[in-house]
């Protein structure tokens, strides 16, 4: 399992990169991802709405 840390809202660009990377791990590689929340909880990553794997294996984000 991959665990992500650092969901600081102050750095929106970095947060976006982190979430896209988590989508790739989950959808593209089948690796479970959890986000470490400020209170210490681990929450499972849910891919972005519209993110999907195509039959040829490529990933696509609609919208």
PDB file of N, CA and C in Angstrom:
ATOM      1  N   UNK A   1       0.850  -1.178   0.000  1.00  0.00           N
ATOM      2  CA  UNK A   1       0.000   0.000   0.000  1.00  0.00           C
ATOM      3  C   UNK A   1       0.891   1.234   0.000  1.00  0.00           C
ATOM      4  N   UNK A   2       0.516   2.192  -0.791  1.00  0.00           N
ATOM      5  CA  UNK A   2       1.179   3.489  -0.855  1.00  0.00           C
ATOM      6  C   UNK A   2       0.411   4.450   0.043  1.00  0.00           C
ATOM      7  N   UNK A   3       1.124   5.198   0.877  1.00  0.00           N
ATOM      8  CA  UNK A   3       0.488   6.179   1.758  1.00  0.00           C
ATOM      9  C   UNK A   3       0.982   7.551   1.372  1.00  0.00           C
ATOM     10  N   UNK A   4       0.058   8.491   1.150  1.00  0.00           N
ATOM     11  CA  UNK A   4       0.427   9.858   0.816  1.00  0.00           C
ATOM     12  C   UNK A   4       0.321  10.735   2.058  1.00  0.00           C
ATOM     13  N   UNK A   5       1.172  11.761   2.099  1.00  0.00           N
ATOM     14  CA  UNK A   5       1.214  12.692   3.220  1.00  0.00           C
ATOM     15  C   UNK A   5       1.295  14.096   2.649  1.00  0.00           C
ATOM     16  N   UNK A   6       0.709  15.063   3.338  1.00  0.00           N
ATOM     17  CA  UNK A   6       0.911  16.450   2.933  1.00  0.00           C
ATOM     18  C   UNK A   6      -0.201  17.040   2.103  1.00  0.00           C
ATOM     19  N   UNK A   7      -1.397  16.943   2.570  1.00  0.00           N
ATOM     20  CA  UNK A   7      -2.529  17.535   1.874  1.00  0.00           C
ATOM     21  C   UNK A   7      -2.734  18.982   2.285  1.00  0.00           C
ATOM     22  N   UNK A   8      -1.678  19.777   2.255  1.00  0.00           N
ATOM     23  CA  UNK A   8      -1.809  21.190   2.609  1.00  0.00           C
ATOM     24  C   UNK A   8      -2.566  21.943   1.536  1.00  0.00           C
ATOM     25  N   UNK A   9      -3.656  22.559   1.907  1.00  0.00           N
ATOM     26  CA  UNK A   9      -4.468  23.295   0.934  1.00  0.00           C
ATOM     27  C   UNK A   9      -3.734  24.507   0.391  1.00  0.00           C
ATOM     28  N   UNK A  10      -2.660  24.931   1.053  1.00  0.00           N
ATOM     29  CA  UNK A  10      -1.927  26.117   0.613  1.00  0.00           C
ATOM     30  C   UNK A  10      -1.224  25.881  -0.718  1.00  0.00           C
ATOM     31  N   UNK A  11      -0.898  24.669  -1.042  1.00  0.00           N
ATOM     32  CA  UNK A  11      -0.173  24.376  -2.278  1.00  0.00           C
ATOM     33  C   UNK A  11      -1.049  23.533  -3.198  1.00  0.00           C
ATOM     34  N   UNK A  12      -1.993  24.189  -3.853  1.00  0.00           N
ATOM     35  CA  UNK A  12      -2.968  23.499  -4.712  1.00  0.00           C
ATOM     36  C   UNK A  12      -2.305  22.731  -5.854  1.00  0.00           C
ATOM     37  N   UNK A  13      -1.246  23.282  -6.459  1.00  0.00           N
ATOM     38  CA  UNK A  13      -0.590  22.604  -7.581  1.00  0.00           C
ATOM     39  C   UNK A  13       0.009  21.282  -7.116  1.00  0.00           C
ATOM     40  N   UNK A  14       0.670  21.285  -5.985  1.00  0.00           N
ATOM     41  CA  UNK A  14       1.282  20.059  -5.459  1.00  0.00           C
ATOM     42  C   UNK A  14       0.209  19.038  -5.082  1.00  0.00           C
ATOM     43  N   UNK A  15      -0.892  19.493  -4.519  1.00  0.00           N
ATOM     44  CA  UNK A  15      -1.989  18.599  -4.171  1.00  0.00           C
ATOM     45  C   UNK A  15      -2.542  17.932  -5.426  1.00  0.00           C
ATOM     46  N   UNK A  16      -2.705  18.703  -6.499  1.00  0.00           N
ATOM     47  CA  UNK A  16      -3.191  18.142  -7.754  1.00  0.00           C
ATOM     48  C   UNK A  16      -2.264  17.064  -8.291  1.00  0.00           C
ATOM     49  N   UNK A  17      -0.956  17.309  -8.235  1.00  0.00           N
ATOM     50  CA  UNK A  17       0.026  16.314  -8.686  1.00  0.00           C
ATOM     51  C   UNK A  17      -0.064  15.050  -7.844  1.00  0.00           C
ATOM     52  N   UNK A  18      -0.205  15.229  -6.546  1.00  0.00           N
ATOM     53  CA  UNK A  18      -0.294  14.101  -5.632  1.00  0.00           C
ATOM     54  C   UNK A  18      -1.511  13.235  -5.951  1.00  0.00           C
ATOM     55  N   UNK A  19      -2.642  13.867  -6.206  1.00  0.00           N
ATOM     56  CA  UNK A  19      -3.873  13.119  -6.470  1.00  0.00           C
ATOM     57  C   UNK A  19      -3.834  12.430  -7.825  1.00  0.00           C
ATOM     58  N   UNK A  20      -3.232  13.073  -8.820  1.00  0.00           N
ATOM     59  CA  UNK A  20      -3.085  12.412 -10.130  1.00  0.00           C
ATOM     60  C   UNK A  20      -2.178  11.199  -9.977  1.00  0.00           C
ATOM     61  N   UNK A  21      -1.097  11.354  -9.227  1.00  0.00           N
ATOM     62  CA  UNK A  21      -0.206  10.219  -8.987  1.00  0.00           C
ATOM     63  C   UNK A  21      -0.918   9.070  -8.289  1.00  0.00           C
ATOM     64  N   UNK A  22      -1.785   9.405  -7.340  1.00  0.00           N
ATOM     65  CA  UNK A  22      -2.569   8.376  -6.645  1.00  0.00           C
ATOM     66  C   UNK A  22      -3.530   7.697  -7.617  1.00  0.00           C
ATOM     67  N   UNK A  23      -4.149   8.462  -8.511  1.00  0.00           N
ATOM     68  CA  UNK A  23      -5.036   7.871  -9.528  1.00  0.00           C
ATOM     69  C   UNK A  23      -4.265   6.879 -10.391  1.00  0.00           C
ATOM     70  N   UNK A  24      -3.046   7.259 -10.800  1.00  0.00           N
ATOM     71  CA  UNK A  24      -2.228   6.376 -11.644  1.00  0.00           C
ATOM     72  C   UNK A  24      -1.895   5.092 -10.892  1.00  0.00           C
ATOM     73  N   UNK A  25      -1.525   5.208  -9.628  1.00  0.00           N
ATOM     74  CA  UNK A  25      -1.197   4.018  -8.847  1.00  0.00           C
ATOM     75  C   UNK A  25      -2.392   3.076  -8.743  1.00  0.00           C
ATOM     76  N   UNK A  26      -3.570   3.636  -8.427  1.00  0.00           N
ATOM     77  CA  UNK A  26      -4.774   2.819  -8.234  1.00  0.00           C
ATOM     78  C   UNK A  26      -5.287   2.251  -9.557  1.00  0.00           C
ATOM     79  N   UNK A  27      -5.503   3.115 -10.539  1.00  0.00           N
ATOM     80  CA  UNK A  27      -6.117   2.675 -11.795  1.00  0.00           C
ATOM     81  C   UNK A  27      -5.121   2.019 -12.747  1.00  0.00           C
ATOM     82  N   UNK A  28      -3.916   2.562 -12.809  1.00  0.00           N
ATOM     83  CA  UNK A  28      -2.941   2.082 -13.782  1.00  0.00           C
ATOM     84  C   UNK A  28      -2.123   0.897 -13.316  1.00  0.00           C
ATOM     85  N   UNK A  29      -1.898   0.801 -12.004  1.00  0.00           N
ATOM     86  CA  UNK A  29      -1.026  -0.249 -11.483  1.00  0.00           C
ATOM     87  C   UNK A  29      -1.697  -1.193 -10.492  1.00  0.00           C
ATOM     88  N   UNK A  30      -2.923  -0.851 -10.064  1.00  0.00           N
ATOM     89  CA  UNK A  30      -3.625  -1.703  -9.115  1.00  0.00           C
ATOM     90  C   UNK A  30      -3.043  -1.657  -7.710  1.00  0.00           C
ATOM     91  N   UNK A  31      -2.325  -0.579  -7.401  1.00  0.00           N
ATOM     92  CA  UNK A  31      -1.707  -0.425  -6.079  1.00  0.00           C
ATOM     93  C   UNK A  31      -2.662   0.332  -5.178  1.00  0.00           C
ATOM     94  N   UNK A  32      -3.009  -0.216  -4.009  1.00  0.00           N
ATOM     95  CA  UNK A  32      -3.881   0.529  -3.099  1.00  0.00           C
ATOM     96  C   UNK A  32      -3.154   1.759  -2.550  1.00  0.00           C
ATOM     97  N   UNK A  33      -3.880   2.847  -2.436  1.00  0.00           N
ATOM     98  CA  UNK A  33      -3.328   4.106  -1.924  1.00  0.00           C
ATOM     99  C   UNK A  33      -4.213   4.593  -0.782  1.00  0.00           C
ATOM    100  N   UNK A  34      -3.582   5.064   0.280  1.00  0.00           N
ATOM    101  CA  UNK A  34      -4.303   5.664   1.394  1.00  0.00           C
ATOM    102  C   UNK A  34      -3.698   7.035   1.669  1.00  0.00           C
ATOM    103  N   UNK A  35      -4.521   7.957   2.111  1.00  0.00           N
ATOM    104  CA  UNK A  35      -4.071   9.299   2.455  1.00  0.00           C
ATOM    105  C   UNK A  35      -4.015   9.414   3.975  1.00  0.00           C
ATOM    106  N   UNK A  36      -2.876   9.876   4.492  1.00  0.00           N
ATOM    107  CA  UNK A  36      -2.718  10.095   5.920  1.00  0.00           C
ATOM    108  C   UNK A  36      -3.301  11.463   6.253  1.00  0.00           C
ATOM    109  N   UNK A  37      -4.373  11.467   7.028  1.00  0.00           N
ATOM    110  CA  UNK A  37      -5.072  12.694   7.366  1.00  0.00           C
ATOM    111  C   UNK A  37      -4.418  13.351   8.586  1.00  0.00           C
ATOM    112  N   UNK A  38      -4.660  14.647   8.792  1.00  0.00           N
ATOM    113  CA  UNK A  38      -4.035  15.350   9.921  1.00  0.00           C
ATOM    114  C   UNK A  38      -4.309  14.719  11.288  1.00  0.00           C
ATOM    115  N   UNK A  39      -5.445  14.039  11.421  1.00  0.00           N
ATOM    116  CA  UNK A  39      -5.763  13.425  12.716  1.00  0.00           C
ATOM    117  C   UNK A  39      -5.197  12.010  12.855  1.00  0.00           C
ATOM    118  N   UNK A  40      -4.409  11.574  11.872  1.00  0.00           N
ATOM    119  CA  UNK A  40      -3.766  10.265  11.939  1.00  0.00           C
ATOM    120  C   UNK A  40      -4.512   9.132  11.257  1.00  0.00           C
ATOM    121  N   UNK A  41      -5.730   9.402  10.804  1.00  0.00           N
ATOM    122  CA  UNK A  41      -6.504   8.365  10.100  1.00  0.00           C
ATOM    123  C   UNK A  41      -5.926   8.133   8.710  1.00  0.00           C
ATOM    124  N   UNK A  42      -6.053   6.896   8.226  1.00  0.00           N
ATOM    125  CA  UNK A  42      -5.752   6.575   6.836  1.00  0.00           C
ATOM    126  C   UNK A  42      -7.078   6.437   6.109  1.00  0.00           C
ATOM    127  N   UNK A  43      -7.238   7.174   5.014  1.00  0.00           N
ATOM    128  CA  UNK A  43      -8.460   7.060   4.223  1.00  0.00           C
ATOM    129  C   UNK A  43      -8.090   6.556   2.827  1.00  0.00           C
ATOM    130  N   UNK A  44      -8.842   5.590   2.300  1.00  0.00           N
ATOM    131  CA  UNK A  44      -8.526   5.064   0.971  1.00  0.00           C
ATOM    132  C   UNK A  44      -8.701   6.127  -0.106  1.00  0.00           C
ATOM    133  N   UNK A  45      -7.805   6.091  -1.096  1.00  0.00           N
ATOM    134  CA  UNK A  45      -7.901   7.031  -2.217  1.00  0.00           C
ATOM    135  C   UNK A  45      -9.051   6.621  -3.122  1.00  0.00           C
ATOM    136  N   UNK A  46      -9.862   7.578  -3.489  1.00  0.00           N
ATOM    137  CA  UNK A  46     -10.909   7.377  -4.492  1.00  0.00           C
ATOM    138  C   UNK A  46     -10.495   8.161  -5.731  1.00  0.00           C
ATOM    139  N   UNK A  47     -10.309   7.483  -6.877  1.00  0.00           N
ATOM    140  CA  UNK A  47      -9.904   8.196  -8.083  1.00  0.00           C
ATOM    141  C   UNK A  47     -10.867   9.340  -8.412  1.00  0.00           C
ATOM    142  N   UNK A  48     -10.330  10.346  -9.075  1.00  0.00           N
ATOM    143  CA  UNK A  48     -11.107  11.519  -9.462  1.00  0.00           C
ATOM    144  C   UNK A  48     -12.295  11.111 -10.328  1.00  0.00           C
ATOM    145  N   UNK A  49     -13.368  11.876 -10.199  1.00  0.00           N
ATOM    146  CA  UNK A  49     -14.532  11.644 -11.046  1.00  0.00           C
ATOM    147  C   UNK A  49     -14.102  11.794 -12.502  1.00  0.00           C
ATOM    148  N   UNK A  50     -14.448  10.830 -13.329  1.00  0.00           N
ATOM    149  CA  UNK A  50     -14.084  10.865 -14.742  1.00  0.00           C
ATOM    150  C   UNK A  50     -12.762  10.187 -15.057  1.00  0.00           C
ATOM    151  N   UNK A  51     -12.005   9.776 -14.037  1.00  0.00           N
ATOM    152  CA  UNK A  51     -10.745   9.063 -14.289  1.00  0.00           C
ATOM    153  C   UNK A  51     -11.071   7.610 -14.598  1.00  0.00           C
ATOM    154  N   UNK A  52     -10.449   7.099 -15.662  1.00  0.00           N
ATOM    155  CA  UNK A  52     -10.723   5.707 -16.023  1.00  0.00           C
ATOM    156  C   UNK A  52      -9.580   5.127 -16.834  1.00  0.00           C
ATOM    157  N   UNK A  53      -9.532   3.816 -16.822  1.00  0.00           N
ATOM    158  CA  UNK A  53      -8.527   3.090 -17.606  1.00  0.00           C
ATOM    159  C   UNK A  53      -9.178   2.609 -18.892  1.00  0.00           C
ATOM    160  N   UNK A  54      -8.548   2.892 -19.995  1.00  0.00           N
ATOM    161  CA  UNK A  54      -9.059   2.469 -21.301  1.00  0.00           C
ATOM    162  C   UNK A  54      -8.669   1.016 -21.578  1.00  0.00           C
ATOM    163  N   UNK A  55      -9.344   0.365 -22.510  1.00  0.00           N
ATOM    164  CA  UNK A  55      -9.021  -1.028 -22.812  1.00  0.00           C
ATOM    165  C   UNK A  55      -7.554  -1.247 -23.212  1.00  0.00           C
ATOM    166  N   UNK A  56      -6.922  -0.221 -23.779  1.00  0.00           N
ATOM    167  CA  UNK A  56      -5.517  -0.368 -24.173  1.00  0.00           C
ATOM    168  C   UNK A  56      -4.549  -0.111 -23.014  1.00  0.00           C
ATOM    169  N   UNK A  57      -5.088   0.179 -21.805  1.00  0.00           N
ATOM    170  CA  UNK A  57      -4.264   0.374 -20.625  1.00  0.00           C
ATOM    171  C   UNK A  57      -3.950   1.830 -20.299  1.00  0.00           C
ATOM    172  N   UNK A  58      -4.207   2.743 -21.237  1.00  0.00           N
ATOM    173  CA  UNK A  58      -3.964   4.159 -20.988  1.00  0.00           C
ATOM    174  C   UNK A  58      -5.024   4.689 -20.008  1.00  0.00           C
ATOM    175  N   UNK A  59      -4.654   5.738 -19.286  1.00  0.00           N
ATOM    176  CA  UNK A  59      -5.596   6.377 -18.367  1.00  0.00           C
ATOM    177  C   UNK A  59      -6.125   7.659 -18.993  1.00  0.00           C
ATOM    178  N   UNK A  60      -7.367   7.978 -18.672  1.00  0.00           N
ATOM    179  CA  UNK A  60      -8.012   9.171 -19.215  1.00  0.00           C
ATOM    180  C   UNK A  60      -8.814   9.834 -18.099  1.00  0.00           C
ATOM    181  N   UNK A  61      -8.705  11.163 -18.030  1.00  0.00           N
ATOM    182  CA  UNK A  61      -9.492  11.946 -17.100  1.00  0.00           C
ATOM    183  C   UNK A  61     -10.433  12.810 -17.920  1.00  0.00           C
ATOM    184  N   UNK A  62     -11.735  12.550 -17.836  1.00  0.00           N
ATOM    185  CA  UNK A  62     -12.733  13.366 -18.549  1.00  0.00           C
ATOM    186  C   UNK A  62     -12.892  14.698 -17.833  1.00  0.00           C
ATOM    187  N   UNK A  63     -13.278  15.693 -18.590  1.00  0.00           N
ATOM    188  CA  UNK A  63     -13.658  16.952 -17.961  1.00  0.00           C
ATOM    189  C   UNK A  63     -12.627  17.971 -18.013  1.00  0.00           C
TER     190      UNK A  63
END
